Amino acid sequence: MTYSVQDAREHLGEILEKVRSGERVLISEAGSEVAEIRSVEGPVSTEETLRRLEEEGIITPPSADQPSLAEVLRELEEDWRVDPPKPGGLKRFLESRG
């Protein structure tokens, strides 16, 4: 179910009832969805989050030839031991994007 921002303000109790019953509620502004309200399910693992995102079609699973996250992190750590990142790299990157 989708509510506009104004409707969400006016019908918060109704929205919370829907969420408690397991529904997810979307909030739209100027015709575009900007937020989602869903129940709190407690701590969710990264693997569970990725599985859910795949099921919803938000992300696609990696192909078989892609390295795992652990392999990528290990490679980065090895590279950084040899040539550590220089301070201010993010700032320089953002400035280069204008």
N, C-alpha and C. Protein backbone atom coordinates (compact mmCIF):
# COMPACT_ATOMS: atom_id res chain seq x y z
N MET A 1 0.85 -1.17 0.00
CA MET A 1 0.00 0.00 0.00
C MET A 1 0.89 1.23 0.00
N THR A 2 0.48 2.26 -0.72
CA THR A 2 1.24 3.50 -0.82
C THR A 2 0.42 4.68 -0.31
N TYR A 3 1.06 5.51 0.49
CA TYR A 3 0.43 6.73 1.01
C TYR A 3 1.27 7.92 0.59
N SER A 4 0.65 9.02 0.33
CA SER A 4 1.39 10.26 0.12
C SER A 4 1.90 10.72 1.49
N VAL A 5 2.82 11.64 1.48
CA VAL A 5 3.34 12.17 2.74
C VAL A 5 2.20 12.75 3.57
N GLN A 6 1.33 13.51 2.94
CA GLN A 6 0.21 14.13 3.66
C GLN A 6 -0.71 13.06 4.25
N ASP A 7 -1.06 12.04 3.45
CA ASP A 7 -1.92 10.97 3.95
C ASP A 7 -1.25 10.21 5.09
N ALA A 8 0.06 10.02 4.98
CA ALA A 8 0.79 9.31 6.04
C ALA A 8 0.70 10.07 7.36
N ARG A 9 0.78 11.39 7.28
CA ARG A 9 0.65 12.20 8.50
C ARG A 9 -0.73 12.03 9.12
N GLU A 10 -1.73 11.99 8.28
CA GLU A 10 -3.11 11.91 8.77
C GLU A 10 -3.53 10.51 9.20
N HIS A 11 -2.85 9.48 8.70
CA HIS A 11 -3.29 8.11 8.93
C HIS A 11 -2.20 7.23 9.55
N LEU A 12 -1.38 7.82 10.41
CA LEU A 12 -0.28 7.07 11.00
C LEU A 12 -0.77 5.82 11.75
N GLY A 13 -1.84 5.95 12.52
CA GLY A 13 -2.36 4.80 13.25
C GLY A 13 -2.75 3.66 12.31
N GLU A 14 -3.40 3.99 11.23
CA GLU A 14 -3.80 2.99 10.23
C GLU A 14 -2.57 2.33 9.61
N ILE A 15 -1.57 3.14 9.32
CA ILE A 15 -0.34 2.61 8.74
C ILE A 15 0.34 1.64 9.70
N LEU A 16 0.41 2.02 10.99
CA LEU A 16 1.03 1.14 11.98
C LEU A 16 0.28 -0.18 12.12
N GLU A 17 -1.03 -0.14 12.01
CA GLU A 17 -1.81 -1.39 12.06
C GLU A 17 -1.46 -2.28 10.88
N LYS A 18 -1.33 -1.70 9.70
CA LYS A 18 -0.95 -2.48 8.52
C LYS A 18 0.43 -3.10 8.70
N VAL A 19 1.36 -2.30 9.23
CA VAL A 19 2.72 -2.79 9.45
C VAL A 19 2.72 -3.92 10.49
N ARG A 20 1.96 -3.75 11.55
CA ARG A 20 1.88 -4.80 12.58
C ARG A 20 1.34 -6.11 12.01
N SER A 21 0.48 -6.01 11.00
CA SER A 21 -0.10 -7.21 10.40
C SER A 21 0.80 -7.81 9.33
N GLY A 22 1.97 -7.21 9.14
CA GLY A 22 2.95 -7.78 8.22
C GLY A 22 3.07 -7.07 6.89
N GLU A 23 2.26 -6.07 6.64
CA GLU A 23 2.35 -5.34 5.38
C GLU A 23 3.51 -4.36 5.42
N ARG A 24 4.02 -4.04 4.25
CA ARG A 24 4.98 -2.96 4.11
C ARG A 24 4.24 -1.80 3.47
N VAL A 25 4.49 -0.61 3.95
CA VAL A 25 3.80 0.57 3.47
C VAL A 25 4.83 1.50 2.82
N LEU A 26 4.50 1.98 1.64
CA LEU A 26 5.37 2.91 0.93
C LEU A 26 4.84 4.32 1.10
N ILE A 27 5.75 5.28 1.18
CA ILE A 27 5.40 6.69 1.28
C ILE A 27 5.90 7.36 0.00
N SER A 28 5.02 8.13 -0.63
CA SER A 28 5.41 8.80 -1.87
C SER A 28 5.35 10.31 -1.69
N GLU A 29 6.19 10.98 -2.46
CA GLU A 29 6.22 12.43 -2.45
C GLU A 29 6.32 12.88 -3.90
N ALA A 30 5.41 13.71 -4.31
CA ALA A 30 5.35 14.20 -5.70
C ALA A 30 5.32 13.04 -6.69
N GLY A 31 4.61 11.97 -6.31
CA GLY A 31 4.44 10.83 -7.20
C GLY A 31 5.56 9.82 -7.21
N SER A 32 6.62 10.04 -6.44
CA SER A 32 7.75 9.11 -6.38
C SER A 32 7.84 8.50 -5.00
N GLU A 33 8.07 7.18 -4.95
CA GLU A 33 8.23 6.51 -3.66
C GLU A 33 9.54 6.94 -3.02
N VAL A 34 9.46 7.37 -1.76
CA VAL A 34 10.65 7.88 -1.08
C VAL A 34 10.99 7.11 0.20
N ALA A 35 10.05 6.32 0.71
CA ALA A 35 10.31 5.62 1.96
C ALA A 35 9.45 4.37 2.04
N GLU A 36 9.90 3.47 2.90
CA GLU A 36 9.16 2.24 3.16
C GLU A 36 9.07 2.06 4.67
N ILE A 37 7.90 1.70 5.14
CA ILE A 37 7.72 1.41 6.56
C ILE A 37 7.40 -0.08 6.65
N ARG A 38 8.15 -0.78 7.47
CA ARG A 38 7.93 -2.21 7.66
C ARG A 38 8.21 -2.56 9.11
N SER A 39 7.78 -3.73 9.50
CA SER A 39 7.96 -4.11 10.90
C SER A 39 9.44 -4.35 11.20
N VAL A 40 9.78 -4.18 12.44
CA VAL A 40 11.13 -4.45 12.90
C VAL A 40 11.20 -5.93 13.20
N GLU A 41 12.09 -6.60 12.52
CA GLU A 41 12.19 -8.05 12.67
C GLU A 41 13.34 -8.46 13.57
N GLY A 42 14.02 -7.52 14.15
CA GLY A 42 15.17 -7.84 14.97
C GLY A 42 16.41 -7.84 14.10
N PRO A 43 17.56 -8.16 14.69
CA PRO A 43 18.80 -8.16 13.93
C PRO A 43 18.72 -9.15 12.76
N VAL A 44 19.12 -8.71 11.60
CA VAL A 44 19.09 -9.55 10.41
C VAL A 44 20.51 -9.64 9.89
N SER A 45 20.94 -10.84 9.54
CA SER A 45 22.29 -11.03 9.04
C SER A 45 22.44 -10.43 7.64
N THR A 46 23.66 -10.18 7.28
CA THR A 46 23.93 -9.67 5.93
C THR A 46 23.44 -10.65 4.89
N GLU A 47 23.66 -11.94 5.13
CA GLU A 47 23.23 -12.97 4.19
C GLU A 47 21.71 -12.95 4.02
N GLU A 48 20.98 -12.79 5.11
CA GLU A 48 19.52 -12.74 5.05
C GLU A 48 19.06 -11.50 4.30
N THR A 49 19.71 -10.38 4.54
CA THR A 49 19.36 -9.15 3.84
C THR A 49 19.60 -9.30 2.34
N LEU A 50 20.75 -9.87 1.97
CA LEU A 50 21.04 -10.07 0.55
C LEU A 50 20.03 -11.03 -0.09
N ARG A 51 19.68 -12.10 0.62
CA ARG A 51 18.69 -13.05 0.10
C ARG A 51 17.36 -12.35 -0.16
N ARG A 52 16.92 -11.53 0.80
CA ARG A 52 15.64 -10.83 0.65
C ARG A 52 15.69 -9.86 -0.52
N LEU A 53 16.80 -9.14 -0.65
CA LEU A 53 16.93 -8.19 -1.77
C LEU A 53 16.94 -8.92 -3.11
N GLU A 54 17.55 -10.09 -3.15
CA GLU A 54 17.52 -10.90 -4.38
C GLU A 54 16.10 -11.34 -4.69
N GLU A 55 15.38 -11.82 -3.67
CA GLU A 55 14.00 -12.27 -3.87
C GLU A 55 13.11 -11.15 -4.39
N GLU A 56 13.36 -9.93 -3.92
CA GLU A 56 12.55 -8.79 -4.33
C GLU A 56 12.99 -8.22 -5.68
N GLY A 57 14.07 -8.77 -6.24
CA GLY A 57 14.55 -8.31 -7.54
C GLY A 57 15.31 -7.00 -7.49
N ILE A 58 15.70 -6.58 -6.28
CA ILE A 58 16.44 -5.33 -6.14
C ILE A 58 17.90 -5.52 -6.54
N ILE A 59 18.46 -6.67 -6.22
CA ILE A 59 19.81 -7.01 -6.63
C ILE A 59 19.78 -8.38 -7.30
N THR A 60 20.82 -8.68 -8.03
CA THR A 60 20.94 -10.00 -8.64
C THR A 60 22.11 -10.72 -7.99
N PRO A 61 22.03 -12.03 -7.89
CA PRO A 61 23.14 -12.76 -7.27
C PRO A 61 24.39 -12.64 -8.14
N PRO A 62 25.56 -12.71 -7.52
CA PRO A 62 26.80 -12.61 -8.31
C PRO A 62 26.97 -13.83 -9.20
N SER A 63 27.69 -13.63 -10.30
CA SER A 63 27.99 -14.77 -11.16
C SER A 63 29.04 -15.64 -10.47
N ALA A 64 29.17 -16.86 -10.93
CA ALA A 64 30.06 -17.82 -10.27
C ALA A 64 31.52 -17.39 -10.31
N ASP A 65 31.92 -16.59 -11.30
CA ASP A 65 33.32 -16.23 -11.43
C ASP A 65 33.72 -14.99 -10.61
N GLN A 66 32.79 -14.43 -9.86
CA GLN A 66 33.12 -13.27 -9.03
C GLN A 66 33.66 -13.72 -7.68
N PRO A 67 34.66 -13.00 -7.16
CA PRO A 67 35.20 -13.37 -5.84
C PRO A 67 34.20 -13.04 -4.73
N SER A 68 34.34 -13.74 -3.63
CA SER A 68 33.48 -13.47 -2.49
C SER A 68 33.91 -12.17 -1.82
N LEU A 69 33.04 -11.63 -0.97
CA LEU A 69 33.36 -10.42 -0.24
C LEU A 69 34.61 -10.62 0.61
N ALA A 70 34.73 -11.79 1.23
CA ALA A 70 35.90 -12.08 2.07
C ALA A 70 37.18 -12.05 1.22
N GLU A 71 37.11 -12.58 -0.01
CA GLU A 71 38.29 -12.57 -0.88
C GLU A 71 38.66 -11.14 -1.29
N VAL A 72 37.66 -10.34 -1.58
CA VAL A 72 37.91 -8.95 -1.96
C VAL A 72 38.54 -8.20 -0.80
N LEU A 73 38.00 -8.37 0.41
CA LEU A 73 38.55 -7.70 1.59
C LEU A 73 39.99 -8.13 1.85
N ARG A 74 40.25 -9.42 1.71
CA ARG A 74 41.60 -9.94 1.93
C ARG A 74 42.58 -9.31 0.92
N GLU A 75 42.16 -9.22 -0.34
CA GLU A 75 43.01 -8.63 -1.36
C GLU A 75 43.27 -7.14 -1.08
N LEU A 76 42.23 -6.42 -0.67
CA LEU A 76 42.40 -5.00 -0.33
C LEU A 76 43.36 -4.83 0.83
N GLU A 77 43.21 -5.65 1.86
CA GLU A 77 44.09 -5.55 3.02
C GLU A 77 45.54 -5.80 2.63
N GLU A 78 45.76 -6.78 1.75
CA GLU A 78 47.12 -7.06 1.29
C GLU A 78 47.67 -5.86 0.50
N ASP A 79 46.86 -5.32 -0.41
CA ASP A 79 47.29 -4.16 -1.20
C ASP A 79 47.59 -2.97 -0.29
N TRP A 80 46.76 -2.75 0.71
CA TRP A 80 46.93 -1.59 1.59
C TRP A 80 48.16 -1.72 2.47
N ARG A 81 48.56 -2.96 2.79
CA ARG A 81 49.80 -3.13 3.56
C ARG A 81 50.99 -2.64 2.75
N VAL A 82 50.98 -2.91 1.45
CA VAL A 82 52.07 -2.52 0.56
C VAL A 82 51.98 -1.03 0.23
N ASP A 83 50.79 -0.55 -0.09
CA ASP A 83 50.57 0.83 -0.51
C ASP A 83 49.31 1.37 0.17
N PRO A 84 49.44 1.85 1.42
CA PRO A 84 48.25 2.29 2.16
C PRO A 84 47.56 3.47 1.47
N PRO A 85 46.24 3.55 1.62
CA PRO A 85 45.52 4.68 1.03
C PRO A 85 46.01 5.99 1.63
N LYS A 86 46.05 7.01 0.81
CA LYS A 86 46.51 8.33 1.28
C LYS A 86 45.35 9.07 1.93
N PRO A 87 45.59 9.76 3.03
CA PRO A 87 44.52 10.53 3.68
C PRO A 87 43.91 11.54 2.70
N GLY A 88 42.63 11.74 2.82
CA GLY A 88 41.95 12.72 1.98
C GLY A 88 41.50 12.18 0.64
N GLY A 89 41.64 10.89 0.43
CA GLY A 89 41.28 10.30 -0.85
C GLY A 89 39.82 10.51 -1.22
N LEU A 90 38.94 10.35 -0.26
CA LEU A 90 37.50 10.54 -0.54
C LEU A 90 37.23 11.98 -0.96
N LYS A 91 37.85 12.92 -0.24
CA LYS A 91 37.66 14.34 -0.57
C LYS A 91 38.14 14.62 -1.99
N ARG A 92 39.33 14.09 -2.34
CA ARG A 92 39.86 14.31 -3.70
C ARG A 92 38.93 13.68 -4.74
N PHE A 93 38.43 12.49 -4.44
CA PHE A 93 37.52 11.83 -5.37
C PHE A 93 36.26 12.66 -5.59
N LEU A 94 35.64 13.11 -4.50
CA LEU A 94 34.43 13.89 -4.62
C LEU A 94 34.66 15.20 -5.35
N GLU A 95 35.80 15.84 -5.09
CA GLU A 95 36.12 17.08 -5.79
C GLU A 95 36.31 16.83 -7.29
N SER A 96 36.84 15.67 -7.65
CA SER A 96 37.05 15.37 -9.07
C SER A 96 35.73 15.16 -9.80
N ARG A 97 34.67 14.88 -9.06
CA ARG A 97 33.34 14.66 -9.65
C ARG A 97 32.57 15.95 -9.84
N GLY A 98 33.15 17.05 -9.33
CA GLY A 98 32.55 18.37 -9.53
C GLY A 98 31.37 18.58 -8.71
